[in-house]
Amino acid sequence: MSKPGKGAQARSIRRKINRLLLIVTLSVALMILVYNVMLLSIHRQYENAILSATTAAEFNQEFKNNIDLSMYHYVIQPRSGDELLELPMEELDHAEDVFRRLEATTTLPDNRWRAQSMLNMLTNLRGYMVEIAQAESYDLRMELLDRNIRGETGLTRLIEQYMHGYIGDEVRELARLREGLSRQTNALILVSAAVMLLLFLLFVLYANKFRRQITAPIASLTEKARRMGERDYSAFSVETEIAELQILDHSFDSMAEHINALLDQQIQSERSLHRAQLELLQAQINPHFLYNTLDSIAILAENHREEDVVTMVTSLSTFFRNSLSRGEDIIPLRAELAQATSYLEIQQIRYSDILSYTIDVPEDILDILVPKLILQPLIENALYHGVKNRRGRGTIAIAGSVSPEGIRLTVRDNGAGMNEEQLSQLRSGVYQDTGTGLGLKNVHQRIRLYCGAPYGLYFESGLGQGSTVTILLPAEGVSAAQKEAHP
């Protein structure tokens, strides 16, 4: 497809998607606007009614009883000369504060009138209380108390009745506002349902329109991607008129061709690299080891230690015979242990005063297949960097075990060990290829090449506490499929 056609098709898809997003956005905005308009009309009234009812709740419902009882005790008690100071004015002050707030918060004319009337009653009530305090006669004080304050027509009774009326009107106003809010909420639900239904219909129409144009090609592309994930790179064409999907289809085909070429190249490179690494390792081990061993044999012969000479020559012969392994890179663990034993026997004769070793591997795992030359570099590392750097006799212990993670082969020494910095440097050399620990890195990479992660080498060490290198292998060893994949 040409570039102009591709661009036009791409713009068409974006335009349709943008139009759908615009419809959804406007619909949601309209719903929010309607909701806000419906609620704003009664929000202030409802808020004021709530505030008025809350303020009214602060009024002491025992106001009449408290005033009546306090004034009765005031009348019957003996005169002390400070009558005005002993009047219960605190209750009136609190009530006056409540009435003023009720007058300011209510939105009902009747309740505003009631609040004003109750304030006037409080003023009169103060006056009557002062009048009682100034009366000299007990009978006159009692008469004024019954007539003006606590009687059926007294001010405390009237204030109580007005407050009940105020609270009743506010409660009814709240009920009315709640009913209005409920009606508007129901209306909003209906509007929302209608808008959602409209949006649903629009989505159905758009999905039905795009289905044949997009979903079938996407399903084909998904199948192509699934095959590629399963390493099936056989190409097949996807029929589509959508430019973007055509680009994806062509890109998949190009990527499959490129991956096939890279896989072929990688396989050849891995085979060459693998063989070169093993040959390099053998080239590093054999001449150096052979020279040292022959020198040791010559010294033993000069000292007339014929038995040691025979043992060393026999072990050397066994070592090189196992190293050849008929050109095989995958050998039984039994053969790998035999080669490691030959190496240890030779080194024990050379370093008889400082080296001893033990081998403890279960019989039931001796026939599993392992990469060749995975133990000897570890033993050499333990000898030259561990045992030889400590005072006195050192021990190298080779052990095998079966764990839930797989087969573990450990090479442990009680040598000088390493501090955290040295251990970190060794791990980075093996795992991150920084140029240190070349022999160990070779072993680790060849195990990963055959077995993959998490198999390979793992290190533990402490300064003055020796070191332990663990080889982790699959429980079944190197399988036939793995061996064929990396010949």
Foldseek 3Di string as FASTA:
>chain_A
DDPVLQVVLVVVVVVVVVVLVVLVVVLVVVLVVLVCVLCVVCVLVLVLLVVLLVLLVPQDLCLQVVQLVQLVCLLPDDDDPPSLVSHPCVSLVVVLVSLVVNLVRHPDPLLVVLSVVLNVLSVVVSVLSVVLSPDDDSVVSVVSSQPADNHPPHSSVVNSVSSVVNNVVSVVSNVVSVVSVVVSVVVSVVSVVVSVVVSVVVVVVVCVVCVVQPVQLVVVLVVCVVCVVVVNLDADARDHPNSVSNVSNVVSNVVSVVVVVVVVVVLVVLLVVLVVLLVVLCVVCPPVVVVVLVVVLVVCVVVVVVVLNVLLVVLVVLLVVLSPVVVDQKAFQLSQVSNVVSVLSSVCSVPVWAEDEEEEEDPVRRGFIAGHPLVNLVVVCCVPVFRVQAPTHKYWYWYWDADPQAIKIKTWIQGQWDDPVVVVVCVCCQPVVPPPPSSQNSSQVVQCQQANPPFGWDKDTHGSGTIMIMGGAHNRGRDPVSSVSRD
